[in-house]
All heavy atoms as atom14 arrays in JSON, in Angstrom:
{
  "sequence": "YGNHVSLKQVGITVAGRSTRLRINYRTSAEILRWSL",
  "atom14_mask": [
    [1, 1, 1, 1, 1, 1, 1, 1, 1, 1, 1, 1, 0, 0],
    [1, 1, 1, 1, 0, 0, 0, 0, 0, 0, 0, 0, 0, 0],
    [1, 1, 1, 1, 1, 1, 1, 1, 0, 0, 0, 0, 0, 0],
    [1, 1, 1, 1, 1, 1, 1, 1, 1, 1, 0, 0, 0, 0],
    [1, 1, 1, 1, 1, 1, 1, 0, 0, 0, 0, 0, 0, 0],
    [1, 1, 1, 1, 1, 1, 0, 0, 0, 0, 0, 0, 0, 0],
    [1, 1, 1, 1, 1, 1, 1, 1, 0, 0, 0, 0, 0, 0],
    [1, 1, 1, 1, 1, 1, 1, 1, 1, 0, 0, 0, 0, 0],
    [1, 1, 1, 1, 1, 1, 1, 1, 1, 0, 0, 0, 0, 0],
    [1, 1, 1, 1, 1, 1, 1, 0, 0, 0, 0, 0, 0, 0],
    [1, 1, 1, 1, 0, 0, 0, 0, 0, 0, 0, 0, 0, 0],
    [1, 1, 1, 1, 1, 1, 1, 1, 0, 0, 0, 0, 0, 0],
    [1, 1, 1, 1, 1, 1, 1, 0, 0, 0, 0, 0, 0, 0],
    [1, 1, 1, 1, 1, 1, 1, 0, 0, 0, 0, 0, 0, 0],
    [1, 1, 1, 1, 1, 0, 0, 0, 0, 0, 0, 0, 0, 0],
    [1, 1, 1, 1, 0, 0, 0, 0, 0, 0, 0, 0, 0, 0],
    [1, 1, 1, 1, 1, 1, 1, 1, 1, 1, 1, 0, 0, 0],
    [1, 1, 1, 1, 1, 1, 0, 0, 0, 0, 0, 0, 0, 0],
    [1, 1, 1, 1, 1, 1, 1, 0, 0, 0, 0, 0, 0, 0],
    [1, 1, 1, 1, 1, 1, 1, 1, 1, 1, 1, 0, 0, 0],
    [1, 1, 1, 1, 1, 1, 1, 1, 0, 0, 0, 0, 0, 0],
    [1, 1, 1, 1, 1, 1, 1, 1, 1, 1, 1, 0, 0, 0],
    [1, 1, 1, 1, 1, 1, 1, 1, 0, 0, 0, 0, 0, 0],
    [1, 1, 1, 1, 1, 1, 1, 1, 0, 0, 0, 0, 0, 0],
    [1, 1, 1, 1, 1, 1, 1, 1, 1, 1, 1, 1, 0, 0],
    [1, 1, 1, 1, 1, 1, 1, 1, 1, 1, 1, 0, 0, 0],
    [1, 1, 1, 1, 1, 1, 1, 0, 0, 0, 0, 0, 0, 0],
    [1, 1, 1, 1, 1, 1, 0, 0, 0, 0, 0, 0, 0, 0],
    [1, 1, 1, 1, 1, 0, 0, 0, 0, 0, 0, 0, 0, 0],
    [1, 1, 1, 1, 1, 1, 1, 1, 1, 0, 0, 0, 0, 0],
    [1, 1, 1, 1, 1, 1, 1, 1, 0, 0, 0, 0, 0, 0],
    [1, 1, 1, 1, 1, 1, 1, 1, 0, 0, 0, 0, 0, 0],
    [1, 1, 1, 1, 1, 1, 1, 1, 1, 1, 1, 0, 0, 0],
    [1, 1, 1, 1, 1, 1, 1, 1, 1, 1, 1, 1, 1, 1],
    [1, 1, 1, 1, 1, 1, 0, 0, 0, 0, 0, 0, 0, 0],
    [1, 1, 1, 1, 1, 1, 1, 1, 0, 0, 0, 0, 0, 0]
  ],
  "atom14_positions": [
    [[161.53, 49.47, 120.03], [160.33, 50.42, 120.02], [159.95, 50.76, 121.53], [159.06, 51.44, 121.57], [159.19, 49.74, 119.3], [159.38, 49.8, 117.8], [159.8, 48.54, 117.14], [159.22, 50.85, 116.98], [160.08, 48.51, 115.89], [159.47, 50.71, 115.61], [159.88, 49.58, 115.03], [160.09, 49.56, 113.68], [0.0, 0.0, 0.0], [0.0, 0.0, 0.0]],
    [[160.74, 50.4, 122.43], [160.5, 50.88, 123.8], [159.32, 50.26, 124.52], [158.94, 50.8, 125.68], [0.0, 0.0, 0.0], [0.0, 0.0, 0.0], [0.0, 0.0, 0.0], [0.0, 0.0, 0.0], [0.0, 0.0, 0.0], [0.0, 0.0, 0.0], [0.0, 0.0, 0.0], [0.0, 0.0, 0.0], [0.0, 0.0, 0.0], [0.0, 0.0, 0.0]],
    [[158.65, 49.32, 123.94], [157.5, 48.63, 124.69], [157.89, 47.6, 125.71], [158.75, 46.81, 125.48], [156.6, 47.79, 123.82], [156.04, 48.85, 122.72], [155.5, 50.01, 122.86], [156.03, 48.4, 121.36], [0.0, 0.0, 0.0], [0.0, 0.0, 0.0], [0.0, 0.0, 0.0], [0.0, 0.0, 0.0], [0.0, 0.0, 0.0], [0.0, 0.0, 0.0]],
    [[157.49, 47.79, 126.94], [157.84, 46.95, 128.12], [156.6, 46.21, 128.65], [155.51, 46.98, 128.92], [158.47, 47.74, 129.17], [159.72, 48.44, 128.77], [160.97, 47.72, 129.05], [160.17, 49.57, 128.19], [161.92, 48.52, 128.58], [161.43, 49.66, 128.07], [0.0, 0.0, 0.0], [0.0, 0.0, 0.0], [0.0, 0.0, 0.0], [0.0, 0.0, 0.0]],
    [[156.72, 44.91, 128.52], [155.34, 44.2, 128.69], [155.72, 43.12, 129.86], [156.69, 42.54, 129.76], [154.95, 43.52, 127.41], [153.75, 42.56, 127.7], [154.65, 44.54, 126.41], [0.0, 0.0, 0.0], [0.0, 0.0, 0.0], [0.0, 0.0, 0.0], [0.0, 0.0, 0.0], [0.0, 0.0, 0.0], [0.0, 0.0, 0.0], [0.0, 0.0, 0.0]],
    [[154.62, 42.83, 130.58], [154.69, 41.71, 131.46], [153.61, 40.65, 130.91], [152.39, 41.04, 130.91], [154.33, 41.97, 132.93], [153.98, 40.93, 133.61], [0.0, 0.0, 0.0], [0.0, 0.0, 0.0], [0.0, 0.0, 0.0], [0.0, 0.0, 0.0], [0.0, 0.0, 0.0], [0.0, 0.0, 0.0], [0.0, 0.0, 0.0], [0.0, 0.0, 0.0]],
    [[153.95, 39.52, 130.45], [153.08, 38.58, 129.87], [151.99, 38.22, 130.85], [150.8, 38.07, 130.59], [153.72, 37.33, 129.4], [154.68, 37.5, 128.17], [155.38, 36.16, 127.79], [153.96, 38.1, 126.93], [0.0, 0.0, 0.0], [0.0, 0.0, 0.0], [0.0, 0.0, 0.0], [0.0, 0.0, 0.0], [0.0, 0.0, 0.0], [0.0, 0.0, 0.0]],
    [[152.37, 38.08, 132.18], [151.4, 37.73, 133.25], [150.24, 38.84, 133.29], [149.08, 38.37, 133.35], [152.04, 37.59, 134.44], [152.9, 36.41, 134.77], [153.52, 36.4, 136.11], [154.52, 35.2, 136.26], [154.95, 35.09, 137.63], [0.0, 0.0, 0.0], [0.0, 0.0, 0.0], [0.0, 0.0, 0.0], [0.0, 0.0, 0.0], [0.0, 0.0, 0.0]],
    [[150.49, 40.12, 133.0], [149.54, 41.1, 133.2], [148.62, 41.04, 131.89], [147.51, 41.79, 132.09], [150.24, 42.48, 133.32], [150.91, 42.74, 134.63], [151.63, 43.97, 134.71], [151.56, 44.79, 133.93], [152.18, 44.19, 135.87], [0.0, 0.0, 0.0], [0.0, 0.0, 0.0], [0.0, 0.0, 0.0], [0.0, 0.0, 0.0], [0.0, 0.0, 0.0]],
    [[148.91, 40.36, 130.97], [147.93, 40.31, 129.74], [147.44, 38.82, 129.65], [146.97, 38.44, 128.6], [148.72, 40.7, 128.41], [148.87, 42.24, 128.46], [150.0, 39.88, 128.16], [0.0, 0.0, 0.0], [0.0, 0.0, 0.0], [0.0, 0.0, 0.0], [0.0, 0.0, 0.0], [0.0, 0.0, 0.0], [0.0, 0.0, 0.0], [0.0, 0.0, 0.0]],
    [[147.44, 38.02, 130.92], [146.94, 36.75, 130.79], [147.65, 35.75, 130.14], [147.03, 34.67, 129.81], [0.0, 0.0, 0.0], [0.0, 0.0, 0.0], [0.0, 0.0, 0.0], [0.0, 0.0, 0.0], [0.0, 0.0, 0.0], [0.0, 0.0, 0.0], [0.0, 0.0, 0.0], [0.0, 0.0, 0.0], [0.0, 0.0, 0.0], [0.0, 0.0, 0.0]],
    [[148.97, 35.82, 129.99], [149.77, 34.76, 129.37], [150.78, 34.21, 130.36], [151.56, 35.04, 130.92], [150.49, 35.26, 128.15], [149.45, 35.8, 127.11], [151.42, 34.11, 127.49], [150.0, 36.41, 125.93], [0.0, 0.0, 0.0], [0.0, 0.0, 0.0], [0.0, 0.0, 0.0], [0.0, 0.0, 0.0], [0.0, 0.0, 0.0], [0.0, 0.0, 0.0]],
    [[150.82, 32.93, 130.47], [151.85, 32.34, 131.54], [152.6, 31.34, 130.68], [152.12, 30.45, 129.99], [151.08, 31.51, 132.64], [150.29, 32.58, 133.31], [152.15, 30.93, 133.49], [0.0, 0.0, 0.0], [0.0, 0.0, 0.0], [0.0, 0.0, 0.0], [0.0, 0.0, 0.0], [0.0, 0.0, 0.0], [0.0, 0.0, 0.0], [0.0, 0.0, 0.0]],
    [[154.03, 31.41, 130.8], [154.87, 30.51, 130.18], [155.93, 29.77, 131.13], [156.79, 29.24, 130.64], [155.78, 31.39, 129.15], [154.94, 31.88, 128.0], [156.48, 32.41, 129.74], [0.0, 0.0, 0.0], [0.0, 0.0, 0.0], [0.0, 0.0, 0.0], [0.0, 0.0, 0.0], [0.0, 0.0, 0.0], [0.0, 0.0, 0.0], [0.0, 0.0, 0.0]],
    [[155.53, 29.87, 132.46], [156.42, 29.27, 133.36], [156.53, 27.78, 133.23], [155.5, 27.11, 132.94], [155.79, 29.47, 134.82], [0.0, 0.0, 0.0], [0.0, 0.0, 0.0], [0.0, 0.0, 0.0], [0.0, 0.0, 0.0], [0.0, 0.0, 0.0], [0.0, 0.0, 0.0], [0.0, 0.0, 0.0], [0.0, 0.0, 0.0], [0.0, 0.0, 0.0]],
    [[157.89, 27.39, 133.1], [158.03, 25.91, 132.78], [157.96, 25.59, 131.39], [158.21, 24.43, 131.02], [0.0, 0.0, 0.0], [0.0, 0.0, 0.0], [0.0, 0.0, 0.0], [0.0, 0.0, 0.0], [0.0, 0.0, 0.0], [0.0, 0.0, 0.0], [0.0, 0.0, 0.0], [0.0, 0.0, 0.0], [0.0, 0.0, 0.0], [0.0, 0.0, 0.0]],
    [[157.71, 26.52, 130.57], [157.59, 26.32, 129.12], [158.3, 27.26, 128.23], [157.99, 27.73, 127.23], [156.15, 26.23, 128.66], [155.36, 25.12, 129.24], [153.89, 25.03, 128.67], [153.14, 26.4, 129.04], [152.6, 26.52, 130.23], [152.51, 25.51, 131.13], [152.0, 27.68, 130.46], [0.0, 0.0, 0.0], [0.0, 0.0, 0.0], [0.0, 0.0, 0.0]],
    [[159.6, 27.75, 128.89], [160.44, 28.68, 128.23], [161.73, 28.05, 127.89], [162.18, 27.36, 128.65], [160.75, 29.86, 129.2], [159.39, 30.74, 129.35], [0.0, 0.0, 0.0], [0.0, 0.0, 0.0], [0.0, 0.0, 0.0], [0.0, 0.0, 0.0], [0.0, 0.0, 0.0], [0.0, 0.0, 0.0], [0.0, 0.0, 0.0], [0.0, 0.0, 0.0]],
    [[162.14, 28.39, 126.68], [163.46, 27.92, 126.24], [164.34, 28.99, 125.81], [163.74, 29.9, 125.01], [163.37, 26.92, 125.09], [162.45, 25.77, 125.43], [164.68, 26.29, 124.5], [0.0, 0.0, 0.0], [0.0, 0.0, 0.0], [0.0, 0.0, 0.0], [0.0, 0.0, 0.0], [0.0, 0.0, 0.0], [0.0, 0.0, 0.0], [0.0, 0.0, 0.0]],
    [[165.58, 29.02, 126.07], [166.54, 30.01, 125.62], [167.67, 29.43, 124.72], [168.29, 28.38, 125.1], [167.26, 30.7, 126.84], [168.17, 31.78, 126.4], [168.72, 32.46, 127.54], [169.85, 33.47, 127.19], [170.81, 33.82, 127.98], [170.97, 33.24, 129.08], [171.5, 34.89, 127.57], [0.0, 0.0, 0.0], [0.0, 0.0, 0.0], [0.0, 0.0, 0.0]],
    [[167.72, 29.95, 123.42], [168.77, 29.49, 122.56], [169.88, 30.32, 122.62], [169.81, 31.57, 122.75], [168.07, 29.56, 121.08], [166.81, 28.93, 120.81], [166.29, 29.07, 119.37], [167.0, 27.32, 121.04], [0.0, 0.0, 0.0], [0.0, 0.0, 0.0], [0.0, 0.0, 0.0], [0.0, 0.0, 0.0], [0.0, 0.0, 0.0], [0.0, 0.0, 0.0]],
    [[171.05, 29.66, 122.56], [172.34, 30.32, 122.94], [173.42, 30.48, 121.69], [174.32, 31.05, 121.89], [172.97, 29.77, 124.11], [172.16, 29.95, 125.3], [172.95, 29.41, 126.52], [172.24, 29.64, 127.74], [171.37, 28.72, 128.32], [171.03, 27.53, 127.67], [170.78, 29.01, 129.46], [0.0, 0.0, 0.0], [0.0, 0.0, 0.0], [0.0, 0.0, 0.0]],
    [[173.0, 29.63, 120.7], [174.08, 29.44, 119.69], [173.75, 30.26, 118.36], [172.56, 29.95, 117.85], [174.41, 27.92, 119.31], [174.74, 27.19, 120.56], [175.44, 27.88, 118.23], [174.83, 25.75, 120.44], [0.0, 0.0, 0.0], [0.0, 0.0, 0.0], [0.0, 0.0, 0.0], [0.0, 0.0, 0.0], [0.0, 0.0, 0.0], [0.0, 0.0, 0.0]],
    [[174.55, 31.16, 117.92], [174.19, 31.92, 116.78], [174.71, 31.19, 115.53], [175.88, 30.77, 115.47], [174.84, 33.35, 116.89], [174.7, 34.14, 115.64], [174.77, 33.72, 114.52], [174.3, 35.54, 115.98], [0.0, 0.0, 0.0], [0.0, 0.0, 0.0], [0.0, 0.0, 0.0], [0.0, 0.0, 0.0], [0.0, 0.0, 0.0], [0.0, 0.0, 0.0]],
    [[173.84, 30.92, 114.59], [174.16, 30.11, 113.26], [174.34, 31.01, 112.12], [174.41, 30.65, 111.05], [173.24, 28.99, 113.05], [173.22, 28.01, 114.11], [172.41, 27.92, 115.12], [174.33, 26.94, 114.21], [172.31, 26.98, 116.06], [174.32, 26.06, 115.13], [173.22, 26.05, 116.2], [173.4, 25.06, 117.16], [0.0, 0.0, 0.0], [0.0, 0.0, 0.0]],
    [[174.24, 32.22, 112.19], [174.18, 33.24, 111.16], [175.34, 34.16, 111.15], [175.96, 34.25, 110.13], [172.94, 34.15, 111.31], [172.9, 35.28, 110.25], [171.68, 35.98, 110.22], [171.62, 36.92, 111.35], [170.57, 37.15, 112.08], [169.31, 36.66, 111.69], [170.47, 37.88, 113.25], [0.0, 0.0, 0.0], [0.0, 0.0, 0.0], [0.0, 0.0, 0.0]],
    [[175.74, 34.76, 112.18], [176.84, 35.78, 112.37], [178.13, 35.08, 112.84], [178.12, 34.34, 113.72], [176.34, 36.77, 113.35], [174.99, 37.39, 112.84], [177.43, 37.91, 113.31], [0.0, 0.0, 0.0], [0.0, 0.0, 0.0], [0.0, 0.0, 0.0], [0.0, 0.0, 0.0], [0.0, 0.0, 0.0], [0.0, 0.0, 0.0], [0.0, 0.0, 0.0]],
    [[179.32, 35.49, 112.23], [180.49, 34.96, 112.63], [180.86, 35.41, 114.0], [180.43, 36.33, 114.61], [181.58, 35.47, 111.67], [181.84, 36.83, 111.78], [0.0, 0.0, 0.0], [0.0, 0.0, 0.0], [0.0, 0.0, 0.0], [0.0, 0.0, 0.0], [0.0, 0.0, 0.0], [0.0, 0.0, 0.0], [0.0, 0.0, 0.0], [0.0, 0.0, 0.0]],
    [[181.71, 34.66, 114.63], [182.06, 34.95, 116.14], [182.87, 36.29, 116.11], [182.64, 37.02, 117.11], [183.09, 33.79, 116.6], [0.0, 0.0, 0.0], [0.0, 0.0, 0.0], [0.0, 0.0, 0.0], [0.0, 0.0, 0.0], [0.0, 0.0, 0.0], [0.0, 0.0, 0.0], [0.0, 0.0, 0.0], [0.0, 0.0, 0.0], [0.0, 0.0, 0.0]],
    [[183.5, 36.59, 115.01], [184.13, 37.95, 115.11], [183.19, 39.1, 115.14], [183.29, 40.15, 115.84], [185.09, 38.05, 113.81], [186.37, 37.06, 114.04], [186.1, 35.61, 113.72], [184.88, 35.26, 113.13], [186.92, 34.81, 114.16], [0.0, 0.0, 0.0], [0.0, 0.0, 0.0], [0.0, 0.0, 0.0], [0.0, 0.0, 0.0], [0.0, 0.0, 0.0]],
    [[182.15, 39.01, 114.22], [181.12, 39.92, 114.18], [180.23, 40.07, 115.48], [179.88, 41.14, 116.03], [180.12, 39.79, 113.02], [180.97, 40.03, 111.67], [179.03, 40.7, 113.08], [180.32, 39.68, 110.36], [0.0, 0.0, 0.0], [0.0, 0.0, 0.0], [0.0, 0.0, 0.0], [0.0, 0.0, 0.0], [0.0, 0.0, 0.0], [0.0, 0.0, 0.0]],
    [[180.06, 38.9, 115.9], [179.28, 38.62, 117.18], [180.0, 39.33, 118.37], [179.37, 40.14, 119.18], [178.88, 37.3, 117.49], [178.09, 36.94, 118.77], [176.68, 37.77, 118.7], [177.92, 35.58, 118.98], [0.0, 0.0, 0.0], [0.0, 0.0, 0.0], [0.0, 0.0, 0.0], [0.0, 0.0, 0.0], [0.0, 0.0, 0.0], [0.0, 0.0, 0.0]],
    [[181.31, 39.11, 118.44], [182.08, 39.65, 119.59], [181.91, 41.29, 119.67], [181.85, 41.82, 120.57], [183.5, 39.24, 119.47], [184.35, 39.53, 120.74], [185.82, 38.96, 120.55], [185.69, 37.51, 120.54], [186.1, 36.72, 119.49], [186.47, 37.31, 118.44], [186.11, 35.4, 119.59], [0.0, 0.0, 0.0], [0.0, 0.0, 0.0], [0.0, 0.0, 0.0]],
    [[182.2, 41.8, 118.33], [182.08, 43.27, 118.28], [180.64, 43.7, 118.61], [180.58, 44.76, 119.4], [182.52, 43.86, 116.88], [182.45, 45.15, 116.72], [183.68, 45.85, 116.83], [181.45, 46.07, 116.46], [183.29, 47.35, 116.78], [181.95, 47.4, 116.46], [180.12, 45.99, 116.11], [181.25, 48.64, 116.22], [179.32, 47.08, 115.87], [179.86, 48.46, 115.88]],
    [[179.58, 43.09, 118.21], [178.27, 43.43, 118.51], [177.95, 43.36, 120.0], [177.14, 44.25, 120.52], [177.23, 42.54, 117.63], [177.57, 42.56, 116.29], [0.0, 0.0, 0.0], [0.0, 0.0, 0.0], [0.0, 0.0, 0.0], [0.0, 0.0, 0.0], [0.0, 0.0, 0.0], [0.0, 0.0, 0.0], [0.0, 0.0, 0.0], [0.0, 0.0, 0.0]],
    [[178.49, 42.29, 120.55], [178.22, 42.27, 122.11], [178.92, 43.51, 122.74], [178.4, 43.78, 123.84], [178.69, 40.96, 122.62], [178.01, 39.56, 122.07], [178.74, 38.35, 122.56], [176.6, 39.65, 122.7], [0.0, 0.0, 0.0], [0.0, 0.0, 0.0], [0.0, 0.0, 0.0], [0.0, 0.0, 0.0], [0.0, 0.0, 0.0], [0.0, 0.0, 0.0]]
  ]
}
């Protein structure tokens, strides 16, 4: 939807409390490779 937000500018800080998940458990590797 084109919204670009800085959490800091709206008073929200997540520094040190951010986690990134990297493993897809829904889509097959073949579909994921095409999608990437």
